[in-house]
Amino acid sequence: MEYELAGVVRYTHSSMMVTGPYRLPIVAFLKEQATESLLHAQQAGELIAGLDGHPSQKIAKIEETNRHSIKDILEEGLGHELHAVSLYKELLFEVVDKSIYLEEYARSMIGEEEQHSLELKAMLKDFG
C-alpha cells in the first residue's frame, strides 16, 4: 500500500515536469498511472482492513534522480514498476497455499505492473 501511494506522488510529480513536443500524451499517461496507483493503494488498504490490519498512513521512500528529461522520467517510472512487480511477487510467495483470494490478487497485480513495465519499455525504445 505504501509503495502504491508513493506511485501516486511519483507519477503526479513527473506529470508536472514533462516539457517538449510530446508533453500532452506523456502527461496524460503519467496522470493515468497516478490514478491507477491510488486505486491500487485503496485496494490494498481494503484488503489490509478486511484482514483486521491497520492500513498505513505512510508512503514508501521515493527515489528521484532530479533529472527531468522525458527519458529520465520514463526510466524512473520503469524502475518503479519493476520494483512493484518484485513486491507483489513477494506477496504471492507469502500467501501461496494460504489464501486463493490473496494469491489471485497478487497475480493480477503482478500482471498489471508487468503490463505497465512493457508500456514504459516501448515508450523508451525511441530514446535508444
N, C-alpha and C. Protein backbone atom coordinates (compact mmCIF):
# COMPACT_ATOMS: atom_id res chain seq x y z
N MET A 1 0.82 -1.19 0.00
CA MET A 1 0.00 0.00 0.00
C MET A 1 0.87 1.26 0.00
N GLU A 2 1.91 1.25 0.84
CA GLU A 2 2.79 2.41 0.92
C GLU A 2 3.51 2.67 -0.41
N TYR A 3 3.87 1.58 -1.10
CA TYR A 3 4.57 1.74 -2.37
C TYR A 3 3.63 2.28 -3.45
N GLU A 4 2.38 1.83 -3.43
CA GLU A 4 1.41 2.36 -4.39
C GLU A 4 1.14 3.84 -4.12
N LEU A 5 1.06 4.23 -2.85
CA LEU A 5 0.88 5.65 -2.54
C LEU A 5 2.08 6.47 -3.02
N ALA A 6 3.27 5.90 -2.91
CA ALA A 6 4.45 6.58 -3.45
C ALA A 6 4.33 6.75 -4.96
N GLY A 7 3.70 5.78 -5.61
CA GLY A 7 3.47 5.88 -7.05
C GLY A 7 2.57 7.05 -7.40
N VAL A 8 1.58 7.32 -6.55
CA VAL A 8 0.70 8.47 -6.78
C VAL A 8 1.53 9.75 -6.80
N VAL A 9 2.40 9.89 -5.82
CA VAL A 9 3.23 11.09 -5.72
C VAL A 9 4.23 11.14 -6.87
N ARG A 10 4.90 10.01 -7.14
CA ARG A 10 5.90 9.96 -8.21
C ARG A 10 5.29 10.38 -9.54
N TYR A 11 4.20 9.73 -9.91
CA TYR A 11 3.62 10.00 -11.23
C TYR A 11 2.98 11.38 -11.31
N THR A 12 2.42 11.86 -10.22
CA THR A 12 1.85 13.21 -10.22
C THR A 12 2.97 14.24 -10.41
N HIS A 13 4.04 14.08 -9.65
CA HIS A 13 5.20 14.98 -9.79
C HIS A 13 5.77 14.91 -11.20
N SER A 14 5.96 13.71 -11.69
CA SER A 14 6.53 13.54 -13.03
C SER A 14 5.67 14.22 -14.09
N SER A 15 4.35 14.13 -13.93
CA SER A 15 3.46 14.73 -14.93
C SER A 15 3.63 16.25 -14.98
N MET A 16 4.06 16.84 -13.87
CA MET A 16 4.26 18.29 -13.83
C MET A 16 5.59 18.71 -14.43
N MET A 17 6.51 17.76 -14.57
CA MET A 17 7.86 18.09 -15.01
C MET A 17 8.09 17.89 -16.51
N VAL A 18 7.14 17.30 -17.20
CA VAL A 18 7.32 16.99 -18.62
C VAL A 18 7.23 18.26 -19.46
N THR A 19 8.18 18.41 -20.35
CA THR A 19 8.18 19.51 -21.31
C THR A 19 8.45 18.96 -22.70
N GLY A 20 8.26 19.78 -23.68
CA GLY A 20 8.59 19.38 -25.04
C GLY A 20 7.38 19.03 -25.88
N PRO A 21 7.64 18.63 -27.13
CA PRO A 21 6.55 18.42 -28.08
C PRO A 21 5.65 17.22 -27.75
N TYR A 22 6.12 16.29 -26.94
CA TYR A 22 5.32 15.11 -26.60
C TYR A 22 4.67 15.24 -25.23
N ARG A 23 4.69 16.46 -24.71
CA ARG A 23 4.20 16.69 -23.35
C ARG A 23 2.79 16.18 -23.12
N LEU A 24 1.84 16.52 -23.97
CA LEU A 24 0.44 16.22 -23.71
C LEU A 24 0.16 14.72 -23.58
N PRO A 25 0.58 13.88 -24.51
CA PRO A 25 0.27 12.45 -24.32
C PRO A 25 1.03 11.83 -23.15
N ILE A 26 2.23 12.30 -22.89
CA ILE A 26 3.00 11.74 -21.78
C ILE A 26 2.42 12.18 -20.44
N VAL A 27 2.00 13.43 -20.34
CA VAL A 27 1.34 13.90 -19.12
C VAL A 27 0.06 13.09 -18.88
N ALA A 28 -0.71 12.87 -19.92
CA ALA A 28 -1.94 12.07 -19.77
C ALA A 28 -1.61 10.66 -19.28
N PHE A 29 -0.58 10.05 -19.84
CA PHE A 29 -0.16 8.71 -19.41
C PHE A 29 0.25 8.72 -17.95
N LEU A 30 1.06 9.69 -17.55
CA LEU A 30 1.54 9.75 -16.16
C LEU A 30 0.40 10.00 -15.18
N LYS A 31 -0.53 10.85 -15.55
CA LYS A 31 -1.69 11.09 -14.68
C LYS A 31 -2.53 9.82 -14.55
N GLU A 32 -2.66 9.09 -15.63
CA GLU A 32 -3.38 7.81 -15.60
C GLU A 32 -2.68 6.83 -14.64
N GLN A 33 -1.35 6.82 -14.68
CA GLN A 33 -0.60 5.95 -13.77
C GLN A 33 -0.79 6.37 -12.32
N ALA A 34 -0.84 7.68 -12.06
CA ALA A 34 -1.06 8.16 -10.70
C ALA A 34 -2.44 7.73 -10.19
N THR A 35 -3.44 7.86 -11.05
CA THR A 35 -4.79 7.45 -10.68
C THR A 35 -4.85 5.96 -10.40
N GLU A 36 -4.19 5.19 -11.24
CA GLU A 36 -4.19 3.73 -11.04
C GLU A 36 -3.44 3.35 -9.77
N SER A 37 -2.36 4.05 -9.46
CA SER A 37 -1.64 3.79 -8.22
C SER A 37 -2.53 4.05 -7.01
N LEU A 38 -3.33 5.11 -7.08
CA LEU A 38 -4.25 5.40 -5.99
C LEU A 38 -5.28 4.27 -5.84
N LEU A 39 -5.81 3.80 -6.94
CA LEU A 39 -6.77 2.69 -6.89
C LEU A 39 -6.12 1.44 -6.29
N HIS A 40 -4.88 1.17 -6.68
CA HIS A 40 -4.16 0.01 -6.14
C HIS A 40 -3.94 0.17 -4.63
N ALA A 41 -3.59 1.37 -4.21
CA ALA A 41 -3.39 1.62 -2.77
C ALA A 41 -4.71 1.42 -2.01
N GLN A 42 -5.79 1.89 -2.60
CA GLN A 42 -7.09 1.72 -1.95
C GLN A 42 -7.47 0.24 -1.86
N GLN A 43 -7.21 -0.52 -2.91
CA GLN A 43 -7.47 -1.95 -2.89
C GLN A 43 -6.66 -2.63 -1.79
N ALA A 44 -5.38 -2.30 -1.73
CA ALA A 44 -4.52 -2.90 -0.71
C ALA A 44 -5.00 -2.52 0.68
N GLY A 45 -5.37 -1.27 0.87
CA GLY A 45 -5.87 -0.83 2.17
C GLY A 45 -7.14 -1.56 2.58
N GLU A 46 -8.04 -1.76 1.63
CA GLU A 46 -9.26 -2.50 1.92
C GLU A 46 -8.95 -3.94 2.32
N LEU A 47 -8.00 -4.55 1.64
CA LEU A 47 -7.59 -5.92 2.00
C LEU A 47 -6.99 -5.96 3.40
N ILE A 48 -6.13 -5.01 3.67
CA ILE A 48 -5.49 -4.96 4.99
C ILE A 48 -6.54 -4.79 6.08
N ALA A 49 -7.46 -3.86 5.88
CA ALA A 49 -8.53 -3.64 6.87
C ALA A 49 -9.41 -4.88 7.00
N GLY A 50 -9.72 -5.52 5.88
CA GLY A 50 -10.54 -6.72 5.89
C GLY A 50 -9.89 -7.89 6.60
N LEU A 51 -8.56 -7.86 6.67
CA LEU A 51 -7.81 -8.90 7.37
C LEU A 51 -7.50 -8.48 8.81
N ASP A 52 -8.26 -7.49 9.30
CA ASP A 52 -8.12 -6.96 10.66
C ASP A 52 -6.80 -6.23 10.89
N GLY A 53 -6.20 -5.74 9.80
CA GLY A 53 -4.99 -4.93 9.93
C GLY A 53 -5.34 -3.45 9.96
N HIS A 54 -4.32 -2.65 10.01
CA HIS A 54 -4.49 -1.20 10.04
C HIS A 54 -3.72 -0.61 8.86
N PRO A 55 -4.43 -0.13 7.84
CA PRO A 55 -3.74 0.46 6.69
C PRO A 55 -2.85 1.62 7.12
N SER A 56 -1.67 1.65 6.57
CA SER A 56 -0.67 2.66 6.90
C SER A 56 -1.04 4.03 6.34
N GLN A 57 -0.61 5.06 7.03
CA GLN A 57 -0.75 6.42 6.51
C GLN A 57 0.57 6.92 5.95
N LYS A 58 1.53 6.04 5.81
CA LYS A 58 2.85 6.41 5.29
C LYS A 58 2.93 6.10 3.80
N ILE A 59 3.92 6.70 3.16
CA ILE A 59 4.24 6.32 1.79
C ILE A 59 5.69 5.84 1.78
N ALA A 60 5.98 4.96 0.83
CA ALA A 60 7.34 4.46 0.69
C ALA A 60 8.26 5.58 0.23
N LYS A 61 9.52 5.41 0.51
CA LYS A 61 10.52 6.39 0.08
C LYS A 61 10.53 6.48 -1.44
N ILE A 62 10.60 7.69 -1.93
CA ILE A 62 10.60 7.93 -3.37
C ILE A 62 12.01 8.34 -3.79
N GLU A 63 12.62 7.50 -4.61
CA GLU A 63 13.94 7.83 -5.16
C GLU A 63 13.73 8.71 -6.38
N GLU A 64 14.52 9.78 -6.46
CA GLU A 64 14.43 10.67 -7.61
C GLU A 64 15.82 11.08 -8.04
N THR A 65 16.05 11.08 -9.33
CA THR A 65 17.35 11.47 -9.87
C THR A 65 17.49 12.99 -9.96
N ASN A 66 16.37 13.70 -9.89
CA ASN A 66 16.31 15.14 -10.13
C ASN A 66 16.70 15.51 -11.55
N ARG A 67 16.58 14.54 -12.44
CA ARG A 67 16.72 14.79 -13.88
C ARG A 67 15.32 14.66 -14.45
N HIS A 68 14.92 15.59 -15.28
CA HIS A 68 13.53 15.61 -15.71
C HIS A 68 13.34 15.58 -17.22
N SER A 69 14.29 15.01 -17.93
CA SER A 69 14.02 14.80 -19.36
C SER A 69 12.95 13.72 -19.45
N ILE A 70 12.29 13.65 -20.58
CA ILE A 70 11.26 12.62 -20.75
C ILE A 70 11.87 11.25 -20.56
N LYS A 71 13.05 11.03 -21.10
CA LYS A 71 13.71 9.73 -20.95
C LYS A 71 13.94 9.42 -19.48
N ASP A 72 14.44 10.37 -18.72
CA ASP A 72 14.70 10.14 -17.29
C ASP A 72 13.41 9.84 -16.53
N ILE A 73 12.37 10.58 -16.84
CA ILE A 73 11.08 10.38 -16.17
C ILE A 73 10.55 8.98 -16.47
N LEU A 74 10.63 8.57 -17.73
CA LEU A 74 10.15 7.24 -18.10
C LEU A 74 11.00 6.14 -17.48
N GLU A 75 12.31 6.36 -17.41
CA GLU A 75 13.19 5.37 -16.78
C GLU A 75 12.89 5.24 -15.29
N GLU A 76 12.65 6.36 -14.62
CA GLU A 76 12.28 6.30 -13.21
C GLU A 76 10.96 5.55 -13.04
N GLY A 77 10.02 5.81 -13.93
CA GLY A 77 8.74 5.10 -13.88
C GLY A 77 8.93 3.60 -14.09
N LEU A 78 9.80 3.24 -15.03
CA LEU A 78 10.07 1.82 -15.27
C LEU A 78 10.68 1.17 -14.03
N GLY A 79 11.63 1.84 -13.41
CA GLY A 79 12.21 1.31 -12.19
C GLY A 79 11.16 1.11 -11.10
N HIS A 80 10.25 2.07 -11.02
CA HIS A 80 9.16 1.98 -10.03
C HIS A 80 8.29 0.76 -10.32
N GLU A 81 7.92 0.57 -11.56
CA GLU A 81 7.06 -0.55 -11.92
C GLU A 81 7.75 -1.89 -11.70
N LEU A 82 9.02 -1.98 -12.04
CA LEU A 82 9.74 -3.24 -11.83
C LEU A 82 9.85 -3.58 -10.35
N HIS A 83 10.04 -2.56 -9.53
CA HIS A 83 10.09 -2.81 -8.08
C HIS A 83 8.72 -3.24 -7.57
N ALA A 84 7.66 -2.64 -8.12
CA ALA A 84 6.30 -3.04 -7.73
C ALA A 84 6.07 -4.52 -8.06
N VAL A 85 6.53 -4.95 -9.23
CA VAL A 85 6.42 -6.37 -9.59
C VAL A 85 7.09 -7.23 -8.54
N SER A 86 8.29 -6.84 -8.12
CA SER A 86 9.00 -7.64 -7.13
C SER A 86 8.27 -7.68 -5.78
N LEU A 87 7.65 -6.57 -5.39
CA LEU A 87 6.89 -6.54 -4.14
C LEU A 87 5.66 -7.45 -4.21
N TYR A 88 4.96 -7.42 -5.33
CA TYR A 88 3.80 -8.28 -5.48
C TYR A 88 4.21 -9.75 -5.58
N LYS A 89 5.37 -10.02 -6.14
CA LYS A 89 5.87 -11.40 -6.16
C LYS A 89 6.19 -11.87 -4.74
N GLU A 90 6.73 -10.98 -3.92
CA GLU A 90 6.97 -11.33 -2.50
C GLU A 90 5.65 -11.64 -1.81
N LEU A 91 4.63 -10.83 -2.08
CA LEU A 91 3.32 -11.08 -1.51
C LEU A 91 2.80 -12.45 -1.95
N LEU A 92 2.92 -12.74 -3.23
CA LEU A 92 2.46 -14.03 -3.74
C LEU A 92 3.16 -15.17 -3.02
N PHE A 93 4.46 -15.06 -2.86
CA PHE A 93 5.23 -16.09 -2.17
C PHE A 93 4.69 -16.31 -0.75
N GLU A 94 4.32 -15.21 -0.08
CA GLU A 94 3.83 -15.29 1.30
C GLU A 94 2.45 -15.92 1.41
N VAL A 95 1.61 -15.75 0.40
CA VAL A 95 0.22 -16.20 0.52
C VAL A 95 -0.09 -17.51 -0.20
N VAL A 96 0.88 -18.04 -0.96
CA VAL A 96 0.65 -19.29 -1.68
C VAL A 96 0.20 -20.37 -0.70
N ASP A 97 -0.86 -21.05 -1.09
CA ASP A 97 -1.46 -22.14 -0.31
C ASP A 97 -2.05 -21.68 1.02
N LYS A 98 -2.20 -20.37 1.21
CA LYS A 98 -2.84 -19.84 2.42
C LYS A 98 -4.17 -19.19 2.09
N SER A 99 -4.27 -18.58 0.91
CA SER A 99 -5.49 -17.90 0.52
C SER A 99 -5.55 -17.79 -1.00
N ILE A 100 -6.52 -18.47 -1.59
CA ILE A 100 -6.70 -18.39 -3.04
C ILE A 100 -6.99 -16.95 -3.45
N TYR A 101 -7.81 -16.26 -2.65
CA TYR A 101 -8.17 -14.88 -2.97
C TYR A 101 -6.93 -13.99 -3.03
N LEU A 102 -6.07 -14.10 -2.02
CA LEU A 102 -4.86 -13.28 -2.00
C LEU A 102 -3.87 -13.70 -3.07
N GLU A 103 -3.82 -15.00 -3.39
CA GLU A 103 -2.96 -15.45 -4.49
C GLU A 103 -3.41 -14.80 -5.79
N GLU A 104 -4.71 -14.83 -6.05
CA GLU A 104 -5.23 -14.25 -7.29
C GLU A 104 -5.05 -12.74 -7.32
N TYR A 105 -5.23 -12.10 -6.17
CA TYR A 105 -4.98 -10.66 -6.07
C TYR A 105 -3.53 -10.36 -6.44
N ALA A 106 -2.59 -11.08 -5.83
CA ALA A 106 -1.17 -10.86 -6.10
C ALA A 106 -0.85 -11.11 -7.57
N ARG A 107 -1.38 -12.19 -8.12
CA ARG A 107 -1.13 -12.50 -9.54
C ARG A 107 -1.68 -11.40 -10.45
N SER A 108 -2.88 -10.91 -10.15
CA SER A 108 -3.45 -9.87 -11.01
C SER A 108 -2.64 -8.58 -10.92
N MET A 109 -2.14 -8.27 -9.73
CA MET A 109 -1.33 -7.06 -9.58
C MET A 109 0.02 -7.22 -10.29
N ILE A 110 0.60 -8.41 -10.22
CA ILE A 110 1.84 -8.67 -10.96
C ILE A 110 1.59 -8.45 -12.45
N GLY A 111 0.49 -8.97 -12.95
CA GLY A 111 0.16 -8.80 -14.37
C GLY A 111 0.00 -7.34 -14.75
N GLU A 112 -0.69 -6.57 -13.91
CA GLU A 112 -0.88 -5.15 -14.22
C GLU A 112 0.45 -4.40 -14.21
N GLU A 113 1.28 -4.67 -13.20
CA GLU A 113 2.56 -3.98 -13.12
C GLU A 113 3.49 -4.40 -14.25
N GLU A 114 3.44 -5.67 -14.65
CA GLU A 114 4.25 -6.10 -15.80
C GLU A 114 3.78 -5.41 -17.07
N GLN A 115 2.46 -5.24 -17.22
CA GLN A 115 1.94 -4.53 -18.39
C GLN A 115 2.45 -3.09 -18.41
N HIS A 116 2.46 -2.43 -17.26
CA HIS A 116 2.98 -1.06 -17.20
C HIS A 116 4.46 -1.03 -17.58
N SER A 117 5.20 -2.02 -17.12
CA SER A 117 6.62 -2.10 -17.45
C SER A 117 6.82 -2.23 -18.95
N LEU A 118 6.01 -3.07 -19.58
CA LEU A 118 6.12 -3.24 -21.03
C LEU A 118 5.78 -1.94 -21.76
N GLU A 119 4.77 -1.23 -21.29
CA GLU A 119 4.40 0.04 -21.92
C GLU A 119 5.55 1.04 -21.81
N LEU A 120 6.15 1.12 -20.63
CA LEU A 120 7.27 2.05 -20.45
C LEU A 120 8.47 1.65 -21.28
N LYS A 121 8.75 0.36 -21.36
CA LYS A 121 9.86 -0.10 -22.20
C LYS A 121 9.63 0.27 -23.66
N ALA A 122 8.40 0.14 -24.11
CA ALA A 122 8.08 0.51 -25.50
C ALA A 122 8.24 2.01 -25.70
N MET A 123 7.83 2.80 -24.73
CA MET A 123 7.97 4.26 -24.83
C MET A 123 9.44 4.67 -24.84
N LEU A 124 10.28 3.91 -24.16
CA LEU A 124 11.71 4.25 -24.08
C LEU A 124 12.50 3.83 -25.31
N LYS A 125 11.93 2.98 -26.17
CA LYS A 125 12.68 2.48 -27.33
C LYS A 125 13.18 3.58 -28.24
N ASP A 126 12.43 4.64 -28.42
CA ASP A 126 12.84 5.73 -29.31
C ASP A 126 14.04 6.51 -28.78
N PHE A 127 14.35 6.33 -27.49
CA PHE A 127 15.45 7.07 -26.90
C PHE A 127 16.78 6.35 -27.07
N GLY A 128 16.72 5.10 -27.59
CA GLY A 128 17.94 4.34 -27.87
C GLY A 128 18.76 4.20 -26.68
